[in-house]
Structures are given as structure tokens and as C-alpha cells.
Amino acid sequence: MSLYAEWEAPPPYFNTERWFRWAVERATNTRDLLSALMEVMCFYYEVPTLSYLTEDQRGDAIRRLDELGAFELRYGVVRVAKEMGVSRTTIYKHIRH
């Protein structure tokens, strides 16, 4: 279930940074925060889940999530890898590059 199911979606003119701030304001714990970060990436790439991303988009999304601190959260790498349908090794490979 989407984290935003009970929330009104952000206006379409929001950029990624505004979406991020909008999502963080509504997150109540680290699990919600990580879900919010992944939802922001879905909004940004206009896909229903991160598993729909192309390889180039996936690498870009991983770098963006790393910049936003998603992988500093507990189980961040594991949850993002599961959502994207890739291994943890793939996530770490993109983080290093």
C-alpha cells in the first residue's frame, strides 16, 4: 500500500526537492521516511514502483536516494533493493560510482 494512500498527492509542479520536503513532513518514523523517499522517486520517474525503472534510471535513482540519505537509514539498502527488484550488491555498485 502506498504511503500516500491517505494523503493528498503533491501538486504536479513540485520538483523533487519539494516532493522530498513534503514527504518528510508527513513521515512519522524511519520506515515511513524511507517509503516516502521511494515514493518521491516513483513520482519523479512517473512509474508505479521502482521495479519499472530502466537500468539508467535505476542508477540515477540510487544516486539520488544516496544523496538524500536513504541508505543511512536502518535496512535502507535492503528495502530499496527489494523495491527495485535488484540485489544489495547492485545498490552498492551504483553508490560507489
PDB file of N, CA and C in Angstrom:
ATOM      1  N   MET A   1       0.837  -1.181   0.000  1.00  0.00           N
ATOM      2  CA  MET A   1       0.000   0.000   0.000  1.00  0.00           C
ATOM      3  C   MET A   1       0.880   1.242   0.000  1.00  0.00           C
ATOM      4  N   SER A   2       0.518   2.208  -0.786  1.00  0.00           N
ATOM      5  CA  SER A   2       1.282   3.440  -0.890  1.00  0.00           C
ATOM      6  C   SER A   2       1.205   4.231   0.407  1.00  0.00           C
ATOM      7  N   LEU A   3       2.309   4.822   0.750  1.00  0.00           N
ATOM      8  CA  LEU A   3       2.362   5.672   1.931  1.00  0.00           C
ATOM      9  C   LEU A   3       1.397   6.836   1.786  1.00  0.00           C
ATOM     10  N   TYR A   4       1.158   7.274   0.562  1.00  0.00           N
ATOM     11  CA  TYR A   4       0.325   8.424   0.321  1.00  0.00           C
ATOM     12  C   TYR A   4      -1.148   8.097   0.159  1.00  0.00           C
ATOM     13  N   ALA A   5      -1.531   6.872   0.412  1.00  0.00           N
ATOM     14  CA  ALA A   5      -2.914   6.467   0.185  1.00  0.00           C
ATOM     15  C   ALA A   5      -3.897   7.380   0.916  1.00  0.00           C
ATOM     16  N   GLU A   6      -3.563   7.770   2.140  1.00  0.00           N
ATOM     17  CA  GLU A   6      -4.491   8.618   2.883  1.00  0.00           C
ATOM     18  C   GLU A   6      -4.148  10.100   2.765  1.00  0.00           C
ATOM     19  N   TRP A   7      -3.101  10.432   2.003  1.00  0.00           N
ATOM     20  CA  TRP A   7      -2.705  11.823   1.829  1.00  0.00           C
ATOM     21  C   TRP A   7      -3.117  12.313   0.460  1.00  0.00           C
ATOM     22  N   GLU A   8      -3.246  13.585   0.363  1.00  0.00           N
ATOM     23  CA  GLU A   8      -3.460  14.191  -0.953  1.00  0.00           C
ATOM     24  C   GLU A   8      -2.106  14.228  -1.653  1.00  0.00           C
ATOM     25  N   ALA A   9      -2.069  13.841  -2.909  1.00  0.00           N
ATOM     26  CA  ALA A   9      -0.810  13.830  -3.660  1.00  0.00           C
ATOM     27  C   ALA A   9      -0.285  15.251  -3.818  1.00  0.00           C
ATOM     28  N   PRO A  10       1.034  15.394  -3.934  1.00  0.00           N
ATOM     29  CA  PRO A  10       1.597  16.739  -4.112  1.00  0.00           C
ATOM     30  C   PRO A  10       1.194  17.311  -5.471  1.00  0.00           C
ATOM     31  N   PRO A  11       1.127  18.617  -5.563  1.00  0.00           N
ATOM     32  CA  PRO A  11       0.800  19.232  -6.852  1.00  0.00           C
ATOM     33  C   PRO A  11       1.828  18.833  -7.915  1.00  0.00           C
ATOM     34  N   PRO A  12       1.402  18.739  -9.178  1.00  0.00           N
ATOM     35  CA  PRO A  12       2.305  18.271 -10.229  1.00  0.00           C
ATOM     36  C   PRO A  12       3.485  19.191 -10.496  1.00  0.00           C
ATOM     37  N   TYR A  13       3.408  20.455 -10.085  1.00  0.00           N
ATOM     38  CA  TYR A  13       4.507  21.378 -10.343  1.00  0.00           C
ATOM     39  C   TYR A  13       5.640  21.235  -9.320  1.00  0.00           C
ATOM     40  N   PHE A  14       5.468  20.375  -8.330  1.00  0.00           N
ATOM     41  CA  PHE A  14       6.517  20.157  -7.351  1.00  0.00           C
ATOM     42  C   PHE A  14       7.745  19.578  -8.031  1.00  0.00           C
ATOM     43  N   ASN A  15       8.925  20.037  -7.653  1.00  0.00           N
ATOM     44  CA  ASN A  15      10.147  19.390  -8.114  1.00  0.00           C
ATOM     45  C   ASN A  15      10.547  18.349  -7.076  1.00  0.00           C
ATOM     46  N   THR A  16      11.606  17.607  -7.335  1.00  0.00           N
ATOM     47  CA  THR A  16      11.997  16.516  -6.442  1.00  0.00           C
ATOM     48  C   THR A  16      12.275  17.011  -5.032  1.00  0.00           C
ATOM     49  N   GLU A  17      12.939  18.143  -4.915  1.00  0.00           N
ATOM     50  CA  GLU A  17      13.267  18.664  -3.589  1.00  0.00           C
ATOM     51  C   GLU A  17      12.005  19.015  -2.808  1.00  0.00           C
ATOM     52  N   ARG A  18      11.031  19.614  -3.467  1.00  0.00           N
ATOM     53  CA  ARG A  18       9.773  19.950  -2.791  1.00  0.00           C
ATOM     54  C   ARG A  18       9.002  18.684  -2.421  1.00  0.00           C
ATOM     55  N   TRP A  19       8.998  17.702  -3.329  1.00  0.00           N
ATOM     56  CA  TRP A  19       8.344  16.428  -3.008  1.00  0.00           C
ATOM     57  C   TRP A  19       8.995  15.822  -1.788  1.00  0.00           C
ATOM     58  N   PHE A  20      10.314  15.855  -1.745  1.00  0.00           N
ATOM     59  CA  PHE A  20      11.043  15.291  -0.616  1.00  0.00           C
ATOM     60  C   PHE A  20      10.635  15.979   0.674  1.00  0.00           C
ATOM     61  N   ARG A  21      10.655  17.305   0.687  1.00  0.00           N
ATOM     62  CA  ARG A  21      10.265  18.033   1.903  1.00  0.00           C
ATOM     63  C   ARG A  21       8.824  17.742   2.286  1.00  0.00           C
ATOM     64  N   TRP A  22       7.950  17.668   1.283  1.00  0.00           N
ATOM     65  CA  TRP A  22       6.530  17.368   1.520  1.00  0.00           C
ATOM     66  C   TRP A  22       6.379  16.002   2.178  1.00  0.00           C
ATOM     67  N   ALA A  23       7.137  15.026   1.682  1.00  0.00           N
ATOM     68  CA  ALA A  23       7.041  13.665   2.212  1.00  0.00           C
ATOM     69  C   ALA A  23       7.632  13.573   3.614  1.00  0.00           C
ATOM     70  N   VAL A  24       8.764  14.225   3.831  1.00  0.00           N
ATOM     71  CA  VAL A  24       9.430  14.164   5.132  1.00  0.00           C
ATOM     72  C   VAL A  24       8.557  14.772   6.216  1.00  0.00           C
ATOM     73  N   GLU A  25       7.858  15.829   5.894  1.00  0.00           N
ATOM     74  CA  GLU A  25       6.982  16.469   6.876  1.00  0.00           C
ATOM     75  C   GLU A  25       5.883  15.523   7.353  1.00  0.00           C
ATOM     76  N   ARG A  26       5.501  14.560   6.526  1.00  0.00           N
ATOM     77  CA  ARG A  26       4.412  13.645   6.861  1.00  0.00           C
ATOM     78  C   ARG A  26       4.888  12.313   7.435  1.00  0.00           C
ATOM     79  N   ALA A  27       6.180  12.037   7.323  1.00  0.00           N
ATOM     80  CA  ALA A  27       6.717  10.773   7.831  1.00  0.00           C
ATOM     81  C   ALA A  27       6.780  10.815   9.352  1.00  0.00           C
ATOM     82  N   THR A  28       6.359   9.724   9.981  1.00  0.00           N
ATOM     83  CA  THR A  28       6.333   9.670  11.443  1.00  0.00           C
ATOM     84  C   THR A  28       7.452   8.805  12.024  1.00  0.00           C
ATOM     85  N   ASN A  29       8.108   7.996  11.185  1.00  0.00           N
ATOM     86  CA  ASN A  29       9.217   7.168  11.653  1.00  0.00           C
ATOM     87  C   ASN A  29      10.149   6.876  10.473  1.00  0.00           C
ATOM     88  N   THR A  30      11.258   6.188  10.716  1.00  0.00           N
ATOM     89  CA  THR A  30      12.229   5.968   9.645  1.00  0.00           C
ATOM     90  C   THR A  30      11.672   5.080   8.529  1.00  0.00           C
ATOM     91  N   ARG A  31      10.797   4.165   8.887  1.00  0.00           N
ATOM     92  CA  ARG A  31      10.196   3.311   7.848  1.00  0.00           C
ATOM     93  C   ARG A  31       9.342   4.158   6.906  1.00  0.00           C
ATOM     94  N   ASP A  32       8.538   5.059   7.478  1.00  0.00           N
ATOM     95  CA  ASP A  32       7.741   5.966   6.656  1.00  0.00           C
ATOM     96  C   ASP A  32       8.634   6.875   5.823  1.00  0.00           C
ATOM     97  N   LEU A  33       9.733   7.317   6.411  1.00  0.00           N
ATOM     98  CA  LEU A  33      10.640   8.207   5.696  1.00  0.00           C
ATOM     99  C   LEU A  33      11.233   7.507   4.479  1.00  0.00           C
ATOM    100  N   LEU A  34      11.684   6.283   4.640  1.00  0.00           N
ATOM    101  CA  LEU A  34      12.241   5.538   3.514  1.00  0.00           C
ATOM    102  C   LEU A  34      11.173   5.283   2.450  1.00  0.00           C
ATOM    103  N   SER A  35       9.968   4.939   2.895  1.00  0.00           N
ATOM    104  CA  SER A  35       8.865   4.757   1.949  1.00  0.00           C
ATOM    105  C   SER A  35       8.589   6.057   1.203  1.00  0.00           C
ATOM    106  N   ALA A  36       8.639   7.163   1.920  1.00  0.00           N
ATOM    107  CA  ALA A  36       8.407   8.459   1.295  1.00  0.00           C
ATOM    108  C   ALA A  36       9.474   8.767   0.253  1.00  0.00           C
ATOM    109  N   LEU A  37      10.715   8.475   0.569  1.00  0.00           N
ATOM    110  CA  LEU A  37      11.797   8.715  -0.389  1.00  0.00           C
ATOM    111  C   LEU A  37      11.601   7.882  -1.656  1.00  0.00           C
ATOM    112  N   MET A  38      11.194   6.628  -1.482  1.00  0.00           N
ATOM    113  CA  MET A  38      10.959   5.776  -2.645  1.00  0.00           C
ATOM    114  C   MET A  38       9.751   6.275  -3.446  1.00  0.00           C
ATOM    115  N   GLU A  39       8.728   6.760  -2.768  1.00  0.00           N
ATOM    116  CA  GLU A  39       7.558   7.311  -3.450  1.00  0.00           C
ATOM    117  C   GLU A  39       7.936   8.560  -4.249  1.00  0.00           C
ATOM    118  N   VAL A  40       8.813   9.379  -3.683  1.00  0.00           N
ATOM    119  CA  VAL A  40       9.273  10.569  -4.390  1.00  0.00           C
ATOM    120  C   VAL A  40       9.949  10.166  -5.697  1.00  0.00           C
ATOM    121  N   MET A  41      10.764   9.124  -5.651  1.00  0.00           N
ATOM    122  CA  MET A  41      11.427   8.644  -6.860  1.00  0.00           C
ATOM    123  C   MET A  41      10.400   8.126  -7.871  1.00  0.00           C
ATOM    124  N   CYS A  42       9.363   7.469  -7.394  1.00  0.00           N
ATOM    125  CA  CYS A  42       8.304   6.995  -8.299  1.00  0.00           C
ATOM    126  C   CYS A  42       7.598   8.173  -8.963  1.00  0.00           C
ATOM    127  N   PHE A  43       7.285   9.210  -8.184  1.00  0.00           N
ATOM    128  CA  PHE A  43       6.674  10.411  -8.756  1.00  0.00           C
ATOM    129  C   PHE A  43       7.611  11.038  -9.785  1.00  0.00           C
ATOM    130  N   TYR A  44       8.886  11.127  -9.439  1.00  0.00           N
ATOM    131  CA  TYR A  44       9.870  11.776 -10.310  1.00  0.00           C
ATOM    132  C   TYR A  44       9.979  11.064 -11.655  1.00  0.00           C
ATOM    133  N   TYR A  45      10.051   9.735 -11.617  1.00  0.00           N
ATOM    134  CA  TYR A  45      10.206   8.959 -12.855  1.00  0.00           C
ATOM    135  C   TYR A  45       8.864   8.538 -13.466  1.00  0.00           C
ATOM    136  N   GLU A  46       7.775   8.912 -12.819  1.00  0.00           N
ATOM    137  CA  GLU A  46       6.426   8.612 -13.301  1.00  0.00           C
ATOM    138  C   GLU A  46       6.220   7.110 -13.538  1.00  0.00           C
ATOM    139  N   VAL A  47       6.574   6.328 -12.534  1.00  0.00           N
ATOM    140  CA  VAL A  47       6.379   4.875 -12.573  1.00  0.00           C
ATOM    141  C   VAL A  47       5.612   4.455 -11.325  1.00  0.00           C
ATOM    142  N   PRO A  48       4.859   3.337 -11.393  1.00  0.00           N
ATOM    143  CA  PRO A  48       4.096   2.905 -10.213  1.00  0.00           C
ATOM    144  C   PRO A  48       4.988   2.373  -9.089  1.00  0.00           C
ATOM    145  N   THR A  49       6.057   1.671  -9.433  1.00  0.00           N
ATOM    146  CA  THR A  49       7.020   1.195  -8.432  1.00  0.00           C
ATOM    147  C   THR A  49       8.414   1.313  -9.015  1.00  0.00           C
ATOM    148  N   LEU A  50       9.405   1.260  -8.163  1.00  0.00           N
ATOM    149  CA  LEU A  50      10.786   1.401  -8.621  1.00  0.00           C
ATOM    150  C   LEU A  50      11.248   0.236  -9.483  1.00  0.00           C
ATOM    151  N   SER A  51      10.548  -0.872  -9.448  1.00  0.00           N
ATOM    152  CA  SER A  51      10.941  -2.018 -10.273  1.00  0.00           C
ATOM    153  C   SER A  51      10.713  -1.751 -11.761  1.00  0.00           C
ATOM    154  N   TYR A  52       9.964  -0.706 -12.113  1.00  0.00           N
ATOM    155  CA  TYR A  52       9.706  -0.357 -13.504  1.00  0.00           C
ATOM    156  C   TYR A  52      10.806   0.512 -14.115  1.00  0.00           C
ATOM    157  N   LEU A  53      11.773   0.934 -13.329  1.00  0.00           N
ATOM    158  CA  LEU A  53      12.828   1.801 -13.840  1.00  0.00           C
ATOM    159  C   LEU A  53      13.740   1.064 -14.812  1.00  0.00           C
ATOM    160  N   THR A  54      14.228   1.791 -15.809  1.00  0.00           N
ATOM    161  CA  THR A  54      15.235   1.224 -16.702  1.00  0.00           C
ATOM    162  C   THR A  54      16.560   1.186 -15.953  1.00  0.00           C
ATOM    163  N   GLU A  55      17.555   0.545 -16.531  1.00  0.00           N
ATOM    164  CA  GLU A  55      18.843   0.431 -15.845  1.00  0.00           C
ATOM    165  C   GLU A  55      19.462   1.812 -15.593  1.00  0.00           C
ATOM    166  N   ASP A  56      19.398   2.708 -16.570  1.00  0.00           N
ATOM    167  CA  ASP A  56      19.954   4.052 -16.389  1.00  0.00           C
ATOM    168  C   ASP A  56      19.179   4.832 -15.332  1.00  0.00           C
ATOM    169  N   GLN A  57      17.867   4.740 -15.378  1.00  0.00           N
ATOM    170  CA  GLN A  57      17.041   5.420 -14.376  1.00  0.00           C
ATOM    171  C   GLN A  57      17.314   4.864 -12.985  1.00  0.00           C
ATOM    172  N   ARG A  58      17.489   3.536 -12.906  1.00  0.00           N
ATOM    173  CA  ARG A  58      17.745   2.903 -11.614  1.00  0.00           C
ATOM    174  C   ARG A  58      19.050   3.421 -11.013  1.00  0.00           C
ATOM    175  N   GLY A  59      20.090   3.519 -11.826  1.00  0.00           N
ATOM    176  CA  GLY A  59      21.366   4.047 -11.331  1.00  0.00           C
ATOM    177  C   GLY A  59      21.226   5.476 -10.854  1.00  0.00           C
ATOM    178  N   ASP A  60      20.503   6.289 -11.614  1.00  0.00           N
ATOM    179  CA  ASP A  60      20.280   7.682 -11.236  1.00  0.00           C
ATOM    180  C   ASP A  60      19.459   7.759  -9.945  1.00  0.00           C
ATOM    181  N   ALA A  61      18.418   6.934  -9.838  1.00  0.00           N
ATOM    182  CA  ALA A  61      17.581   6.934  -8.639  1.00  0.00           C
ATOM    183  C   ALA A  61      18.380   6.510  -7.408  1.00  0.00           C
ATOM    184  N   ILE A  62      19.251   5.531  -7.567  1.00  0.00           N
ATOM    185  CA  ILE A  62      20.073   5.079  -6.437  1.00  0.00           C
ATOM    186  C   ILE A  62      20.993   6.199  -5.986  1.00  0.00           C
ATOM    187  N   ARG A  63      21.603   6.898  -6.927  1.00  0.00           N
ATOM    188  CA  ARG A  63      22.476   8.018  -6.560  1.00  0.00           C
ATOM    189  C   ARG A  63      21.683   9.123  -5.860  1.00  0.00           C
ATOM    190  N   ARG A  64      20.485   9.413  -6.352  1.00  0.00           N
ATOM    191  CA  ARG A  64      19.655  10.439  -5.715  1.00  0.00           C
ATOM    192  C   ARG A  64      19.238  10.022  -4.299  1.00  0.00           C
ATOM    193  N   LEU A  65      18.840   8.770  -4.152  1.00  0.00           N
ATOM    194  CA  LEU A  65      18.464   8.276  -2.823  1.00  0.00           C
ATOM    195  C   LEU A  65      19.648   8.321  -1.872  1.00  0.00           C
ATOM    196  N   ASP A  66      20.840   8.038  -2.393  1.00  0.00           N
ATOM    197  CA  ASP A  66      22.044   8.115  -1.566  1.00  0.00           C
ATOM    198  C   ASP A  66      22.289   9.556  -1.125  1.00  0.00           C
ATOM    199  N   GLU A  67      22.128  10.499  -2.037  1.00  0.00           N
ATOM    200  CA  GLU A  67      22.300  11.917  -1.695  1.00  0.00           C
ATOM    201  C   GLU A  67      21.286  12.368  -0.652  1.00  0.00           C
ATOM    202  N   LEU A  68      20.085  11.801  -0.706  1.00  0.00           N
ATOM    203  CA  LEU A  68      19.036  12.166   0.253  1.00  0.00           C
ATOM    204  C   LEU A  68      19.179  11.443   1.590  1.00  0.00           C
ATOM    205  N   GLY A  69      20.135  10.509   1.677  1.00  0.00           N
ATOM    206  CA  GLY A  69      20.391   9.822   2.940  1.00  0.00           C
ATOM    207  C   GLY A  69      19.579   8.564   3.157  1.00  0.00           C
ATOM    208  N   ALA A  70      18.970   8.042   2.116  1.00  0.00           N
ATOM    209  CA  ALA A  70      18.118   6.854   2.271  1.00  0.00           C
ATOM    210  C   ALA A  70      18.895   5.645   2.762  1.00  0.00           C
ATOM    211  N   PHE A  71      20.152   5.541   2.387  1.00  0.00           N
ATOM    212  CA  PHE A  71      20.913   4.353   2.743  1.00  0.00           C
ATOM    213  C   PHE A  71      21.581   4.468   4.108  1.00  0.00           C
ATOM    214  N   GLU A  72      21.413   5.601   4.747  1.00  0.00           N
ATOM    215  CA  GLU A  72      21.881   5.760   6.126  1.00  0.00           C
ATOM    216  C   GLU A  72      20.830   5.273   7.117  1.00  0.00           C
ATOM    217  N   LEU A  73      19.612   5.085   6.633  1.00  0.00           N
ATOM    218  CA  LEU A  73      18.540   4.572   7.479  1.00  0.00           C
ATOM    219  C   LEU A  73      18.683   3.063   7.643  1.00  0.00           C
ATOM    220  N   ARG A  74      18.234   2.563   8.753  1.00  0.00           N
ATOM    221  CA  ARG A  74      18.310   1.126   9.014  1.00  0.00           C
ATOM    222  C   ARG A  74      17.556   0.351   7.933  1.00  0.00           C
ATOM    223  N   TYR A  75      18.188  -0.657   7.394  1.00  0.00           N
ATOM    224  CA  TYR A  75      17.642  -1.506   6.324  1.00  0.00           C
ATOM    225  C   TYR A  75      17.342  -0.729   5.046  1.00  0.00           C
ATOM    226  N   GLY A  76      17.915   0.445   4.886  1.00  0.00           N
ATOM    227  CA  GLY A  76      17.661   1.245   3.698  1.00  0.00           C
ATOM    228  C   GLY A  76      18.050   0.535   2.416  1.00  0.00           C
ATOM    229  N   VAL A  77      19.248  -0.021   2.384  1.00  0.00           N
ATOM    230  CA  VAL A  77      19.724  -0.707   1.182  1.00  0.00           C
ATOM    231  C   VAL A  77      18.849  -1.918   0.889  1.00  0.00           C
ATOM    232  N   VAL A  78      18.523  -2.674   1.917  1.00  0.00           N
ATOM    233  CA  VAL A  78      17.721  -3.886   1.740  1.00  0.00           C
ATOM    234  C   VAL A  78      16.338  -3.544   1.187  1.00  0.00           C
ATOM    235  N   ARG A  79      15.691  -2.545   1.755  1.00  0.00           N
ATOM    236  CA  ARG A  79      14.335  -2.189   1.321  1.00  0.00           C
ATOM    237  C   ARG A  79      14.304  -1.615  -0.094  1.00  0.00           C
ATOM    238  N   VAL A  80      15.292  -0.773  -0.418  1.00  0.00           N
ATOM    239  CA  VAL A  80      15.335  -0.206  -1.768  1.00  0.00           C
ATOM    240  C   VAL A  80      15.632  -1.309  -2.777  1.00  0.00           C
ATOM    241  N   ALA A  81      16.557  -2.207  -2.447  1.00  0.00           N
ATOM    242  CA  ALA A  81      16.879  -3.314  -3.352  1.00  0.00           C
ATOM    243  C   ALA A  81      15.644  -4.175  -3.601  1.00  0.00           C
ATOM    244  N   LYS A  82      14.906  -4.466  -2.557  1.00  0.00           N
ATOM    245  CA  LYS A  82      13.694  -5.272  -2.707  1.00  0.00           C
ATOM    246  C   LYS A  82      12.669  -4.548  -3.576  1.00  0.00           C
ATOM    247  N   GLU A  83      12.491  -3.258  -3.342  1.00  0.00           N
ATOM    248  CA  GLU A  83      11.528  -2.466  -4.114  1.00  0.00           C
ATOM    249  C   GLU A  83      11.918  -2.397  -5.593  1.00  0.00           C
ATOM    250  N   MET A  84      13.223  -2.319  -5.859  1.00  0.00           N
ATOM    251  CA  MET A  84      13.696  -2.228  -7.246  1.00  0.00           C
ATOM    252  C   MET A  84      13.811  -3.590  -7.925  1.00  0.00           C
ATOM    253  N   GLY A  85      13.805  -4.647  -7.135  1.00  0.00           N
ATOM    254  CA  GLY A  85      13.951  -5.981  -7.711  1.00  0.00           C
ATOM    255  C   GLY A  85      15.381  -6.293  -8.093  1.00  0.00           C
ATOM    256  N   VAL A  86      16.336  -5.726  -7.335  1.00  0.00           N
ATOM    257  CA  VAL A  86      17.755  -5.979  -7.579  1.00  0.00           C
ATOM    258  C   VAL A  86      18.404  -6.452  -6.283  1.00  0.00           C
ATOM    259  N   SER A  87      19.672  -6.840  -6.376  1.00  0.00           N
ATOM    260  CA  SER A  87      20.383  -7.292  -5.182  1.00  0.00           C
ATOM    261  C   SER A  87      20.999  -6.099  -4.442  1.00  0.00           C
ATOM    262  N   ARG A  88      21.394  -6.336  -3.200  1.00  0.00           N
ATOM    263  CA  ARG A  88      22.091  -5.307  -2.430  1.00  0.00           C
ATOM    264  C   ARG A  88      23.407  -4.942  -3.102  1.00  0.00           C
ATOM    265  N   THR A  89      24.040  -5.920  -3.716  1.00  0.00           N
ATOM    266  CA  THR A  89      25.304  -5.679  -4.410  1.00  0.00           C
ATOM    267  C   THR A  89      25.125  -4.640  -5.513  1.00  0.00           C
ATOM    268  N   THR A  90      24.018  -4.718  -6.228  1.00  0.00           N
ATOM    269  CA  THR A  90      23.734  -3.747  -7.288  1.00  0.00           C
ATOM    270  C   THR A  90      23.606  -2.346  -6.711  1.00  0.00           C
ATOM    271  N   ILE A  91      22.942  -2.231  -5.584  1.00  0.00           N
ATOM    272  CA  ILE A  91      22.791  -0.929  -4.928  1.00  0.00           C
ATOM    273  C   ILE A  91      24.166  -0.379  -4.565  1.00  0.00           C
ATOM    274  N   TYR A  92      24.994  -1.201  -3.922  1.00  0.00           N
ATOM    275  CA  TYR A  92      26.330  -0.752  -3.524  1.00  0.00           C
ATOM    276  C   TYR A  92      27.180  -0.394  -4.732  1.00  0.00           C
ATOM    277  N   LYS A  93      27.035  -1.116  -5.833  1.00  0.00           N
ATOM    278  CA  LYS A  93      27.794  -0.824  -7.051  1.00  0.00           C
ATOM    279  C   LYS A  93      27.458   0.575  -7.543  1.00  0.00           C
ATOM    280  N   HIS A  94      26.186   0.940  -7.541  1.00  0.00           N
ATOM    281  CA  HIS A  94      25.780   2.265  -8.001  1.00  0.00           C
ATOM    282  C   HIS A  94      26.175   3.354  -7.016  1.00  0.00           C
ATOM    283  N   ILE A  95      26.201   3.041  -5.748  1.00  0.00           N
ATOM    284  CA  ILE A  95      26.604   4.027  -4.743  1.00  0.00           C
ATOM    285  C   ILE A  95      28.072   4.385  -4.929  1.00  0.00           C
ATOM    286  N   ARG A  96      28.911   3.380  -5.221  1.00  0.00           N
ATOM    287  CA  ARG A  96      30.356   3.609  -5.371  1.00  0.00           C
ATOM    288  C   ARG A  96      30.696   4.413  -6.614  1.00  0.00           C
ATOM    289  N   HIS A  97      29.859   4.365  -7.634  1.00  0.00           N
ATOM    290  CA  HIS A  97      30.192   5.058  -8.889  1.00  0.00           C
ATOM    291  C   HIS A  97      29.644   6.426  -8.895  1.00  0.00           C
TER     292      HIS A  97
END
